[in-house]
Amino acid sequence: MKLTAGREALLKPLQAVIGVVERRQTMPILANVLLVAKEGKVAITATDLEVELVASAEAEVDAPGEVTVPARKLLDICRALPDDASVSVSLSGEKLVVKSGRSKFSLTTLPAAEFPTVEDIDAGQSVEVSQALLGKLLDKTHFAMAQQDVRYYLNGLLLETGKKR
């Protein structure tokens, strides 16, 4: 795997997926993001086994490939680089080498095949709700949602669709 992209192009998708990255690290690979480079873009995937988030960025892909790397370390590296920096990312053995200007970083990797993915589901139906209406519905019900309950189903809410009332 080998690609080149602007700092901002990599930083935005990393910032988008970092909230999903597991902090408790019950499995070491959950602290990583999956990088998939192909056809002029790089897809960055994070999961905590309940939620999976994929964000992509335009990149000049010289050699397609996929690998997982520590999410927070990669994010910290991208944040530390100058705004207009060009970032070169290449896989060298079991290390991901990140270069920009005179800076060079080497990150440990885990095989992409070990990265857990959430299965796609075909919901069969969709619904469109205005932002204002959704906000109003959430305001009326959020008081009943648990915050840190070990019974995960109580930490969310159920959205049912049906005929207008």
N, C-alpha and C. Protein backbone atom coordinates (compact mmCIF):
# COMPACT_ATOMS: atom_id res chain seq x y z
N MET A 1 0.85 -1.18 0.00
CA MET A 1 0.00 0.00 0.00
C MET A 1 0.89 1.23 0.00
N LYS A 2 0.56 2.17 -0.87
CA LYS A 2 1.30 3.43 -0.91
C LYS A 2 0.37 4.51 -1.44
N LEU A 3 0.31 5.62 -0.70
CA LEU A 3 -0.55 6.72 -1.13
C LEU A 3 0.02 8.06 -0.67
N THR A 4 -0.44 9.11 -1.32
CA THR A 4 -0.07 10.47 -0.95
C THR A 4 -1.36 11.31 -0.91
N ALA A 5 -1.48 12.11 0.14
CA ALA A 5 -2.66 12.96 0.28
C ALA A 5 -2.28 14.20 1.06
N GLY A 6 -3.11 15.22 0.98
CA GLY A 6 -2.91 16.42 1.77
C GLY A 6 -3.25 16.16 3.23
N ARG A 7 -2.63 16.91 4.11
CA ARG A 7 -2.88 16.76 5.55
C ARG A 7 -4.36 16.91 5.87
N GLU A 8 -4.98 17.96 5.34
CA GLU A 8 -6.40 18.22 5.60
C GLU A 8 -7.28 17.10 5.08
N ALA A 9 -6.91 16.54 3.91
CA ALA A 9 -7.70 15.46 3.32
C ALA A 9 -7.72 14.24 4.23
N LEU A 10 -6.63 13.96 4.92
CA LEU A 10 -6.58 12.83 5.85
C LEU A 10 -7.16 13.17 7.21
N LEU A 11 -6.95 14.40 7.64
CA LEU A 11 -7.38 14.81 8.98
C LEU A 11 -8.90 14.79 9.14
N LYS A 12 -9.63 15.26 8.14
CA LYS A 12 -11.09 15.33 8.25
C LYS A 12 -11.74 13.96 8.47
N PRO A 13 -11.43 12.94 7.65
CA PRO A 13 -12.06 11.64 7.92
C PRO A 13 -11.58 11.00 9.22
N LEU A 14 -10.33 11.24 9.60
CA LEU A 14 -9.84 10.72 10.88
C LEU A 14 -10.62 11.33 12.05
N GLN A 15 -10.85 12.63 11.99
CA GLN A 15 -11.62 13.29 13.04
C GLN A 15 -13.07 12.80 13.06
N ALA A 16 -13.58 12.45 11.89
CA ALA A 16 -14.97 11.97 11.81
C ALA A 16 -15.14 10.60 12.47
N VAL A 17 -14.14 9.72 12.33
CA VAL A 17 -14.29 8.35 12.84
C VAL A 17 -13.70 8.15 14.24
N ILE A 18 -12.93 9.09 14.74
CA ILE A 18 -12.22 8.88 16.00
C ILE A 18 -13.16 8.67 17.19
N GLY A 19 -14.35 9.22 17.13
CA GLY A 19 -15.30 9.04 18.23
C GLY A 19 -15.78 7.61 18.40
N VAL A 20 -15.67 6.81 17.35
CA VAL A 20 -16.11 5.42 17.40
C VAL A 20 -15.01 4.51 17.93
N VAL A 21 -13.77 4.95 17.84
CA VAL A 21 -12.64 4.10 18.24
C VAL A 21 -12.75 3.75 19.72
N GLU A 22 -12.59 2.49 20.00
CA GLU A 22 -12.73 1.97 21.37
C GLU A 22 -11.63 2.50 22.27
N ARG A 23 -12.01 3.09 23.39
CA ARG A 23 -11.02 3.62 24.34
C ARG A 23 -10.59 2.55 25.34
N ARG A 24 -11.53 1.68 25.70
CA ARG A 24 -11.24 0.66 26.71
C ARG A 24 -10.33 -0.44 26.16
N GLN A 25 -10.32 -0.58 24.87
CA GLN A 25 -9.46 -1.54 24.18
C GLN A 25 -9.60 -2.96 24.72
N THR A 26 -10.81 -3.46 24.73
CA THR A 26 -11.02 -4.85 25.12
C THR A 26 -10.36 -5.78 24.11
N MET A 27 -10.29 -5.32 22.87
CA MET A 27 -9.55 -6.01 21.81
C MET A 27 -8.60 -4.98 21.22
N PRO A 28 -7.31 -5.27 21.15
CA PRO A 28 -6.35 -4.28 20.64
C PRO A 28 -6.69 -3.70 19.27
N ILE A 29 -7.28 -4.49 18.40
CA ILE A 29 -7.58 -4.00 17.05
C ILE A 29 -8.67 -2.94 17.04
N LEU A 30 -9.47 -2.86 18.11
CA LEU A 30 -10.52 -1.84 18.17
C LEU A 30 -9.95 -0.44 18.40
N ALA A 31 -8.68 -0.36 18.79
CA ALA A 31 -8.01 0.94 18.93
C ALA A 31 -7.45 1.41 17.59
N ASN A 32 -7.60 0.58 16.57
CA ASN A 32 -7.08 0.88 15.24
C ASN A 32 -8.18 1.33 14.29
N VAL A 33 -7.75 1.95 13.20
CA VAL A 33 -8.64 2.23 12.08
C VAL A 33 -8.16 1.40 10.90
N LEU A 34 -9.09 1.02 10.07
CA LEU A 34 -8.77 0.27 8.86
C LEU A 34 -8.58 1.26 7.72
N LEU A 35 -7.42 1.23 7.09
CA LEU A 35 -7.15 2.08 5.93
C LEU A 35 -7.23 1.20 4.69
N VAL A 36 -8.06 1.58 3.74
CA VAL A 36 -8.18 0.86 2.47
C VAL A 36 -7.92 1.86 1.36
N ALA A 37 -6.81 1.66 0.64
CA ALA A 37 -6.42 2.56 -0.44
C ALA A 37 -6.69 1.90 -1.78
N LYS A 38 -7.49 2.58 -2.61
CA LYS A 38 -7.74 2.08 -3.96
C LYS A 38 -8.39 3.17 -4.80
N GLU A 39 -8.11 3.15 -6.09
CA GLU A 39 -8.77 3.99 -7.08
C GLU A 39 -8.91 5.46 -6.70
N GLY A 40 -7.83 6.10 -6.32
CA GLY A 40 -7.84 7.53 -6.07
C GLY A 40 -8.44 7.98 -4.75
N LYS A 41 -8.67 7.04 -3.83
CA LYS A 41 -9.17 7.45 -2.52
C LYS A 41 -8.73 6.46 -1.45
N VAL A 42 -8.79 6.94 -0.23
CA VAL A 42 -8.51 6.09 0.93
C VAL A 42 -9.74 6.12 1.82
N ALA A 43 -10.22 4.94 2.20
CA ALA A 43 -11.36 4.82 3.11
C ALA A 43 -10.82 4.51 4.50
N ILE A 44 -11.33 5.22 5.49
CA ILE A 44 -10.90 5.04 6.88
C ILE A 44 -12.11 4.55 7.67
N THR A 45 -11.96 3.37 8.28
CA THR A 45 -13.07 2.72 8.99
C THR A 45 -12.72 2.53 10.45
N ALA A 46 -13.66 2.83 11.33
CA ALA A 46 -13.51 2.59 12.77
C ALA A 46 -14.75 1.86 13.26
N THR A 47 -14.57 1.03 14.28
CA THR A 47 -15.70 0.32 14.87
C THR A 47 -15.47 0.07 16.35
N ASP A 48 -16.57 -0.06 17.09
CA ASP A 48 -16.49 -0.48 18.49
C ASP A 48 -17.32 -1.75 18.68
N LEU A 49 -17.58 -2.44 17.59
CA LEU A 49 -18.38 -3.66 17.49
C LEU A 49 -19.88 -3.41 17.55
N GLU A 50 -20.29 -2.21 17.90
CA GLU A 50 -21.70 -1.84 17.86
C GLU A 50 -21.97 -0.87 16.74
N VAL A 51 -21.03 0.04 16.54
CA VAL A 51 -21.15 1.08 15.52
C VAL A 51 -19.93 1.00 14.61
N GLU A 52 -20.17 1.14 13.32
CA GLU A 52 -19.07 1.20 12.36
C GLU A 52 -19.23 2.48 11.56
N LEU A 53 -18.15 3.23 11.41
CA LEU A 53 -18.19 4.49 10.68
C LEU A 53 -17.09 4.48 9.64
N VAL A 54 -17.44 4.83 8.41
CA VAL A 54 -16.49 4.87 7.31
C VAL A 54 -16.48 6.28 6.74
N ALA A 55 -15.28 6.84 6.61
CA ALA A 55 -15.11 8.15 5.98
C ALA A 55 -14.00 8.01 4.95
N SER A 56 -14.07 8.78 3.88
CA SER A 56 -13.04 8.64 2.85
C SER A 56 -12.45 9.98 2.47
N ALA A 57 -11.29 9.90 1.83
CA ALA A 57 -10.58 11.10 1.39
C ALA A 57 -9.96 10.82 0.03
N GLU A 58 -9.84 11.87 -0.75
CA GLU A 58 -9.16 11.74 -2.03
C GLU A 58 -7.67 11.59 -1.77
N ALA A 59 -7.04 10.71 -2.53
CA ALA A 59 -5.61 10.46 -2.37
C ALA A 59 -5.04 9.96 -3.69
N GLU A 60 -3.77 10.18 -3.85
CA GLU A 60 -3.06 9.65 -5.01
C GLU A 60 -2.54 8.27 -4.60
N VAL A 61 -3.19 7.23 -5.09
CA VAL A 61 -2.85 5.87 -4.70
C VAL A 61 -1.87 5.28 -5.70
N ASP A 62 -0.63 5.04 -5.24
CA ASP A 62 0.39 4.44 -6.09
C ASP A 62 0.32 2.92 -6.04
N ALA A 63 -0.04 2.37 -4.89
CA ALA A 63 -0.18 0.92 -4.73
C ALA A 63 -1.37 0.67 -3.81
N PRO A 64 -2.43 0.02 -4.32
CA PRO A 64 -3.59 -0.24 -3.47
C PRO A 64 -3.25 -1.23 -2.36
N GLY A 65 -4.05 -1.19 -1.30
CA GLY A 65 -3.84 -2.12 -0.20
C GLY A 65 -4.67 -1.73 0.99
N GLU A 66 -4.57 -2.53 2.05
CA GLU A 66 -5.31 -2.25 3.27
C GLU A 66 -4.51 -2.71 4.48
N VAL A 67 -4.69 -1.98 5.57
CA VAL A 67 -3.97 -2.26 6.81
C VAL A 67 -4.69 -1.55 7.95
N THR A 68 -4.44 -1.97 9.19
CA THR A 68 -4.98 -1.24 10.34
C THR A 68 -3.83 -0.62 11.11
N VAL A 69 -4.07 0.59 11.62
CA VAL A 69 -3.06 1.32 12.40
C VAL A 69 -3.72 1.97 13.60
N PRO A 70 -2.94 2.27 14.65
CA PRO A 70 -3.50 2.94 15.83
C PRO A 70 -4.13 4.28 15.45
N ALA A 71 -5.40 4.42 15.73
CA ALA A 71 -6.17 5.59 15.31
C ALA A 71 -5.67 6.88 15.94
N ARG A 72 -5.50 6.88 17.24
CA ARG A 72 -5.13 8.12 17.93
C ARG A 72 -3.72 8.58 17.55
N LYS A 73 -2.82 7.65 17.36
CA LYS A 73 -1.46 8.03 16.96
C LYS A 73 -1.46 8.66 15.57
N LEU A 74 -2.20 8.05 14.64
CA LEU A 74 -2.28 8.61 13.29
C LEU A 74 -2.94 9.98 13.32
N LEU A 75 -3.98 10.14 14.11
CA LEU A 75 -4.65 11.43 14.24
C LEU A 75 -3.70 12.47 14.83
N ASP A 76 -2.97 12.13 15.88
CA ASP A 76 -2.02 13.06 16.50
C ASP A 76 -0.93 13.48 15.52
N ILE A 77 -0.46 12.54 14.70
CA ILE A 77 0.56 12.87 13.70
C ILE A 77 0.00 13.87 12.70
N CYS A 78 -1.19 13.61 12.19
CA CYS A 78 -1.80 14.51 11.20
C CYS A 78 -2.07 15.89 11.79
N ARG A 79 -2.50 15.93 13.05
CA ARG A 79 -2.74 17.23 13.70
C ARG A 79 -1.46 18.04 13.85
N ALA A 80 -0.35 17.37 14.11
CA ALA A 80 0.92 18.05 14.37
C ALA A 80 1.57 18.60 13.11
N LEU A 81 1.17 18.13 11.95
CA LEU A 81 1.79 18.57 10.69
C LEU A 81 1.27 19.95 10.29
N PRO A 82 2.06 20.69 9.51
CA PRO A 82 1.61 22.00 9.02
C PRO A 82 0.36 21.86 8.15
N ASP A 83 -0.45 22.91 8.11
CA ASP A 83 -1.73 22.87 7.39
C ASP A 83 -1.61 22.46 5.92
N ASP A 84 -0.61 22.94 5.24
CA ASP A 84 -0.49 22.67 3.80
C ASP A 84 0.41 21.48 3.49
N ALA A 85 0.70 20.64 4.47
CA ALA A 85 1.63 19.53 4.29
C ALA A 85 1.05 18.44 3.39
N SER A 86 1.93 17.81 2.65
CA SER A 86 1.59 16.63 1.86
C SER A 86 2.07 15.42 2.66
N VAL A 87 1.21 14.43 2.78
CA VAL A 87 1.52 13.26 3.61
C VAL A 87 1.65 12.03 2.72
N SER A 88 2.76 11.33 2.88
CA SER A 88 3.00 10.09 2.15
C SER A 88 2.88 8.93 3.13
N VAL A 89 2.06 7.95 2.77
CA VAL A 89 1.82 6.79 3.63
C VAL A 89 2.18 5.54 2.84
N SER A 90 3.05 4.71 3.41
CA SER A 90 3.43 3.47 2.72
C SER A 90 3.61 2.34 3.72
N LEU A 91 3.31 1.15 3.28
CA LEU A 91 3.44 -0.03 4.11
C LEU A 91 4.79 -0.66 3.85
N SER A 92 5.57 -0.81 4.91
CA SER A 92 6.90 -1.40 4.80
C SER A 92 6.99 -2.55 5.79
N GLY A 93 6.79 -3.76 5.31
CA GLY A 93 6.76 -4.92 6.20
C GLY A 93 5.54 -4.85 7.09
N GLU A 94 5.75 -4.86 8.40
CA GLU A 94 4.64 -4.76 9.35
C GLU A 94 4.52 -3.37 9.95
N LYS A 95 5.13 -2.38 9.32
CA LYS A 95 5.09 -0.99 9.80
C LYS A 95 4.46 -0.12 8.72
N LEU A 96 3.71 0.88 9.16
CA LEU A 96 3.19 1.89 8.26
C LEU A 96 4.07 3.11 8.42
N VAL A 97 4.68 3.54 7.35
CA VAL A 97 5.58 4.69 7.39
C VAL A 97 4.83 5.92 6.90
N VAL A 98 4.78 6.94 7.74
CA VAL A 98 4.11 8.20 7.42
C VAL A 98 5.19 9.26 7.30
N LYS A 99 5.28 9.89 6.10
CA LYS A 99 6.31 10.91 5.86
C LYS A 99 5.65 12.21 5.44
N SER A 100 6.24 13.30 5.90
CA SER A 100 5.81 14.63 5.49
C SER A 100 6.98 15.57 5.71
N GLY A 101 7.45 16.17 4.63
CA GLY A 101 8.62 17.05 4.76
C GLY A 101 9.80 16.27 5.31
N ARG A 102 10.40 16.79 6.38
CA ARG A 102 11.53 16.10 7.00
C ARG A 102 11.09 15.15 8.11
N SER A 103 9.81 15.07 8.37
CA SER A 103 9.29 14.20 9.43
C SER A 103 9.01 12.80 8.89
N LYS A 104 9.30 11.81 9.72
CA LYS A 104 9.04 10.41 9.35
C LYS A 104 8.58 9.67 10.60
N PHE A 105 7.45 8.99 10.49
CA PHE A 105 6.88 8.25 11.61
C PHE A 105 6.66 6.81 11.18
N SER A 106 6.87 5.90 12.11
CA SER A 106 6.66 4.48 11.84
C SER A 106 5.63 3.95 12.84
N LEU A 107 4.52 3.44 12.34
CA LEU A 107 3.44 2.95 13.19
C LEU A 107 3.29 1.44 13.06
N THR A 108 3.04 0.78 14.18
CA THR A 108 2.79 -0.66 14.14
C THR A 108 1.44 -0.92 13.48
N THR A 109 1.33 -2.05 12.86
CA THR A 109 0.09 -2.40 12.16
C THR A 109 -0.43 -3.74 12.64
N LEU A 110 -1.67 -3.97 12.36
CA LEU A 110 -2.29 -5.28 12.53
C LEU A 110 -2.94 -5.63 11.20
N PRO A 111 -3.04 -6.91 10.88
CA PRO A 111 -3.59 -7.31 9.58
C PRO A 111 -5.04 -6.83 9.38
N ALA A 112 -5.32 -6.38 8.18
CA ALA A 112 -6.66 -5.89 7.86
C ALA A 112 -7.70 -7.01 7.97
N ALA A 113 -7.29 -8.24 7.73
CA ALA A 113 -8.22 -9.37 7.80
C ALA A 113 -8.77 -9.58 9.21
N GLU A 114 -8.06 -9.10 10.22
CA GLU A 114 -8.50 -9.25 11.61
C GLU A 114 -9.47 -8.15 12.04
N PHE A 115 -9.63 -7.11 11.22
CA PHE A 115 -10.49 -5.99 11.59
C PHE A 115 -11.95 -6.40 11.50
N PRO A 116 -12.70 -6.28 12.61
CA PRO A 116 -14.11 -6.70 12.59
C PRO A 116 -14.96 -5.70 11.83
N THR A 117 -15.90 -6.20 11.06
CA THR A 117 -16.80 -5.31 10.33
C THR A 117 -18.24 -5.63 10.70
N VAL A 118 -19.05 -4.61 10.68
CA VAL A 118 -20.47 -4.76 10.95
C VAL A 118 -21.14 -5.19 9.65
N GLU A 119 -21.99 -6.19 9.72
CA GLU A 119 -22.67 -6.65 8.52
C GLU A 119 -23.65 -5.60 8.01
N ASP A 120 -23.72 -5.47 6.69
CA ASP A 120 -24.70 -4.57 6.09
C ASP A 120 -26.09 -5.17 6.27
N ILE A 121 -27.03 -4.32 6.59
CA ILE A 121 -28.41 -4.79 6.70
C ILE A 121 -29.26 -4.04 5.70
N ASP A 122 -30.21 -4.72 5.15
CA ASP A 122 -31.14 -4.10 4.22
C ASP A 122 -32.43 -3.83 4.99
N ALA A 123 -32.60 -2.58 5.38
CA ALA A 123 -33.74 -2.22 6.22
C ALA A 123 -35.07 -2.37 5.48
N GLY A 124 -35.04 -2.28 4.18
CA GLY A 124 -36.26 -2.45 3.42
C GLY A 124 -37.14 -1.22 3.33
N GLN A 125 -36.93 -0.26 4.19
CA GLN A 125 -37.72 0.95 4.12
C GLN A 125 -36.88 2.12 4.62
N SER A 126 -37.27 3.29 4.21
CA SER A 126 -36.58 4.50 4.68
C SER A 126 -37.63 5.56 4.96
N VAL A 127 -37.21 6.55 5.71
CA VAL A 127 -38.12 7.62 6.07
C VAL A 127 -37.34 8.93 6.06
N GLU A 128 -37.98 9.99 5.65
CA GLU A 128 -37.36 11.31 5.68
C GLU A 128 -38.08 12.15 6.73
N VAL A 129 -37.28 12.76 7.61
CA VAL A 129 -37.82 13.59 8.68
C VAL A 129 -37.02 14.89 8.68
N SER A 130 -37.71 16.00 8.80
CA SER A 130 -37.00 17.28 8.84
C SER A 130 -36.14 17.35 10.10
N GLN A 131 -35.10 18.13 10.01
CA GLN A 131 -34.19 18.30 11.15
C GLN A 131 -34.94 18.86 12.36
N ALA A 132 -35.81 19.80 12.11
CA ALA A 132 -36.57 20.43 13.20
C ALA A 132 -37.48 19.42 13.90
N LEU A 133 -38.17 18.60 13.11
CA LEU A 133 -39.07 17.60 13.70
C LEU A 133 -38.29 16.55 14.48
N LEU A 134 -37.19 16.07 13.91
CA LEU A 134 -36.37 15.08 14.61
C LEU A 134 -35.84 15.64 15.92
N GLY A 135 -35.38 16.88 15.90
CA GLY A 135 -34.91 17.53 17.12
C GLY A 135 -36.00 17.63 18.17
N LYS A 136 -37.21 17.97 17.72
CA LYS A 136 -38.35 18.09 18.64
C LYS A 136 -38.68 16.73 19.26
N LEU A 137 -38.65 15.68 18.45
CA LEU A 137 -38.93 14.33 18.95
C LEU A 137 -37.87 13.89 19.96
N LEU A 138 -36.62 14.17 19.66
CA LEU A 138 -35.53 13.81 20.57
C LEU A 138 -35.63 14.59 21.88
N ASP A 139 -35.97 15.87 21.80
CA ASP A 139 -36.12 16.68 23.01
C ASP A 139 -37.21 16.12 23.93
N LYS A 140 -38.26 15.58 23.33
CA LYS A 140 -39.37 15.06 24.13
C LYS A 140 -39.05 13.71 24.78
N THR A 141 -38.07 12.98 24.25
CA THR A 141 -37.83 11.62 24.75
C THR A 141 -36.46 11.39 25.38
N HIS A 142 -35.52 12.29 25.20
CA HIS A 142 -34.15 12.00 25.65
C HIS A 142 -34.03 11.84 27.16
N PHE A 143 -34.96 12.40 27.93
CA PHE A 143 -34.90 12.28 29.39
C PHE A 143 -35.01 10.81 29.84
N ALA A 144 -35.64 9.97 29.01
CA ALA A 144 -35.86 8.57 29.38
C ALA A 144 -34.71 7.66 28.97
N MET A 145 -33.73 8.19 28.27
CA MET A 145 -32.60 7.37 27.82
C MET A 145 -31.55 7.29 28.92
N ALA A 146 -31.06 6.07 29.15
CA ALA A 146 -29.99 5.88 30.12
C ALA A 146 -28.70 6.44 29.54
N GLN A 147 -27.75 6.78 30.39
CA GLN A 147 -26.48 7.34 29.92
C GLN A 147 -25.37 6.29 29.89
N GLN A 148 -25.20 5.56 30.96
CA GLN A 148 -24.10 4.60 31.06
C GLN A 148 -24.59 3.25 31.60
N ASP A 149 -25.78 2.85 31.23
CA ASP A 149 -26.33 1.60 31.74
C ASP A 149 -25.64 0.42 31.07
N VAL A 150 -25.36 -0.63 31.84
CA VAL A 150 -24.73 -1.82 31.26
C VAL A 150 -25.70 -2.56 30.35
N ARG A 151 -26.97 -2.28 30.49
CA ARG A 151 -27.97 -2.83 29.57
C ARG A 151 -28.04 -1.87 28.38
N TYR A 152 -27.22 -2.15 27.37
CA TYR A 152 -27.02 -1.22 26.27
C TYR A 152 -28.30 -0.80 25.57
N TYR A 153 -29.30 -1.65 25.55
CA TYR A 153 -30.54 -1.30 24.87
C TYR A 153 -31.25 -0.13 25.55
N LEU A 154 -30.91 0.18 26.79
CA LEU A 154 -31.51 1.33 27.48
C LEU A 154 -30.78 2.63 27.17
N ASN A 155 -29.62 2.54 26.54
CA ASN A 155 -28.83 3.74 26.22
C ASN A 155 -29.30 4.42 24.93
N GLY A 156 -30.25 3.85 24.25
CA GLY A 156 -30.71 4.41 22.99
C GLY A 156 -32.20 4.68 23.01
N LEU A 157 -32.76 4.82 21.82
CA LEU A 157 -34.19 5.02 21.71
C LEU A 157 -34.71 4.27 20.50
N LEU A 158 -35.99 4.01 20.49
CA LEU A 158 -36.64 3.31 19.39
C LEU A 158 -37.42 4.33 18.58
N LEU A 159 -37.17 4.35 17.29
CA LEU A 159 -37.89 5.25 16.39
C LEU A 159 -38.81 4.38 15.54
N GLU A 160 -40.10 4.53 15.75
CA GLU A 160 -41.08 3.76 14.99
C GLU A 160 -41.76 4.67 13.98
N THR A 161 -42.01 4.11 12.81
CA THR A 161 -42.72 4.87 11.78
C THR A 161 -44.11 4.27 11.62
N GLY A 162 -45.01 5.08 11.21
CA GLY A 162 -46.38 4.60 11.01
C GLY A 162 -47.21 5.69 10.38
N LYS A 163 -48.50 5.48 10.39
CA LYS A 163 -49.41 6.47 9.82
C LYS A 163 -49.42 7.72 10.68
N LYS A 164 -49.71 8.85 10.03
CA LYS A 164 -49.81 10.12 10.78
C LYS A 164 -50.91 10.03 11.81
N ARG A 165 -50.64 10.67 12.94
CA ARG A 165 -51.66 10.69 13.99
C ARG A 165 -52.22 12.08 14.11
